[in-house]
């Protein structure tokens, strides 16, 4: 599975995207009709899974809208954690899927929930991803959705191991 990776900075003032990050946000991340699953990392640690029906435009909006005054704040409240990352750099890994694969939001949310559960199940401390605020469990994932979860978890394990080795100065 091919994941797209993008690193972006958050402002020191309010935890929104920096002006540089806004300018550099890849236009290819906004593809109408393309849905997917994303994983957010800080310092090599997975902090959140999410689902989107509008490409990574959803993530960009989550890091640009005002949470206090925006009429859509309910839809972006899950991004309230950004205040804890003021001045930090985050990395998003995006796993695009065709609309036919994850057409319905309930199916995407089911995959997102299974990823969070698998992360907790496989972690040494048994904790959920640090910034998960809600989980929509869905009974009966389809075989292709289960395969997607396994592929994403394998990719995240590979990324996390590589990040840990870089932080610890370990070479292969």
Foldseek 3Di string as FASTA:
>chain_A
DDKDKDKFWAAQPALATDPVRVVPVDPVQFDQQKWWKKWKDFLLATAAIDIGRGGCVLVNCLRPDDLPDDPCNVVNVLSPCSRVQHGGMMMMIIDIDGCVVVVDPLLRLQLRQVLQCVCLVPDPVSDGRNSDDDGRHDPDRDPVSVVVSVVVVVVSVVSSVVSVCVVVVHDD
